[in-house]
Every structure is written in C-alpha cells, then in structure tokens.
Protein backbone atom coordinates (compact mmCIF):
# COMPACT_ATOMS: atom_id res chain seq x y z
CA MET A 1 -0.71 8.82 11.73
CA GLU A 2 -3.29 6.59 10.08
CA ASP A 3 -3.16 3.14 8.53
CA VAL A 4 -4.61 1.86 5.29
CA VAL A 5 -4.47 -1.55 3.64
CA PHE A 6 -4.87 -2.21 -0.06
CA GLY A 7 -5.60 -5.43 -1.87
CA VAL A 8 -3.15 -5.63 -4.78
CA PRO A 9 -3.82 -8.72 -6.92
CA GLY A 10 -0.98 -10.27 -8.85
CA ILE A 11 1.99 -9.03 -6.86
CA ASP A 12 5.07 -11.17 -6.45
CA ASP A 13 8.31 -10.55 -4.57
CA ASP A 14 9.72 -8.24 -7.27
CA ALA A 15 6.52 -6.20 -7.45
CA ALA A 16 6.44 -6.00 -3.66
CA ARG A 17 9.90 -4.44 -3.62
CA MET A 18 8.98 -1.94 -6.34
CA ILE A 19 5.75 -0.95 -4.58
CA GLN A 20 7.46 -0.61 -1.23
CA LYS A 21 10.28 1.55 -2.61
CA ARG A 22 7.86 3.81 -4.50
CA LEU A 23 5.55 4.32 -1.52
CA GLU A 24 8.43 4.95 0.88
CA ARG A 25 9.44 7.96 -1.26
CA VAL A 26 6.02 9.60 -0.92
CA PRO A 27 6.03 12.55 1.52
CA GLY A 28 3.93 11.66 4.54
CA VAL A 29 4.45 7.89 4.34
CA ALA A 30 5.92 6.58 7.60
CA SER A 31 6.07 2.86 6.80
CA VAL A 32 5.09 0.28 4.22
CA ILE A 33 4.65 -3.46 4.58
CA VAL A 34 3.77 -5.85 1.78
CA TRP A 35 2.22 -9.27 2.35
CA VAL A 36 2.81 -11.12 -0.91
CA GLU A 37 0.95 -14.28 0.11
CA SER A 38 -2.25 -12.38 0.91
CA GLN A 39 -1.71 -9.84 -1.92
CA GLN A 40 -1.93 -6.86 0.43
CA VAL A 41 -0.01 -3.65 1.07
CA GLY A 42 -0.22 -1.81 4.38
CA VAL A 43 0.77 1.84 4.71
CA ARG A 44 1.11 4.09 7.77
CA TYR A 45 0.81 7.69 6.65
CA ASP A 46 0.24 11.26 7.78
CA PRO A 47 -3.21 12.32 6.50
CA ALA A 48 -2.12 15.96 6.54
CA LEU A 49 0.38 15.16 3.77
CA VAL A 50 -1.12 12.32 1.70
CA ASP A 51 -4.39 10.43 1.33
CA PRO A 52 -5.26 6.83 0.42
CA ARG A 53 -6.34 7.82 -3.09
CA ALA A 54 -2.87 9.21 -3.81
CA LEU A 55 -1.25 6.08 -2.37
CA ALA A 56 -3.39 3.86 -4.62
CA GLU A 57 -2.31 5.98 -7.59
CA GLU A 58 1.34 5.41 -6.68
CA ILE A 59 0.72 1.65 -6.70
CA LEU A 60 -1.00 1.99 -10.07
CA GLN A 61 2.12 3.73 -11.42
CA VAL A 62 4.03 0.50 -10.68
CA GLY A 63 1.46 -1.36 -12.78
CA PHE A 64 -0.94 -2.82 -10.21
CA MET A 65 -4.51 -1.96 -9.27
CA ALA A 66 -4.99 -1.23 -5.57
CA GLU A 67 -8.32 -1.51 -3.78
CA ARG A 68 -8.72 -0.26 -0.23
CA ILE A 69 -9.63 -3.07 2.16
CA PRO A 70 -11.94 -2.32 5.11
CA PHE A 71 -10.28 -2.88 8.49
CA LYS A 72 -12.39 -5.92 9.34
CA GLN A 73 -11.24 -7.75 6.20
CA ARG A 74 -7.50 -7.16 6.59
CA TRP A 75 -5.12 -10.04 6.89
CA PRO A 76 -2.81 -10.42 8.65
CA GLY A 77 -4.15 -8.37 11.59
C-alpha cells in the first residue's frame, strides 16, 4: 500500500463526504481521510490497482481540483 495526499481547495463538510464516498468505491483504495480545515484529502491505495492521477480525476468528477502535495508539506502529519 502507498499513501498520497491532495490539496483540494474549497471543500466543505458536504464536499468531504462526497469525495470520501466516491474514492472509497475505487478498486484499490484502502482508506480515505478528509481534513476540511486544511483542505486536504489523504488516500491509502494499492498502486497495482490505481494511481494518484486516477484518484485526482475521481475528485475532479465531484467538482474539485486536486493537487498532489509532497510528503514534507502535508498537514496534519
């Protein structure tokens, strides 16, 4: 499993729920956590089944741009 974090500007609680539900349906996604206050989405996934580009596209389908955040810039930890 690998982890990726996306910055997703403009999300609120409703958007967080929609993003989480959509990503949890993607084959290869093990877990999703959304930090509304920091406008970030964290995903644990199986790289043999899905890649970060595809995950960002799923977020875009909900109506939000997603930009991958380098590990050193993630918050919270």
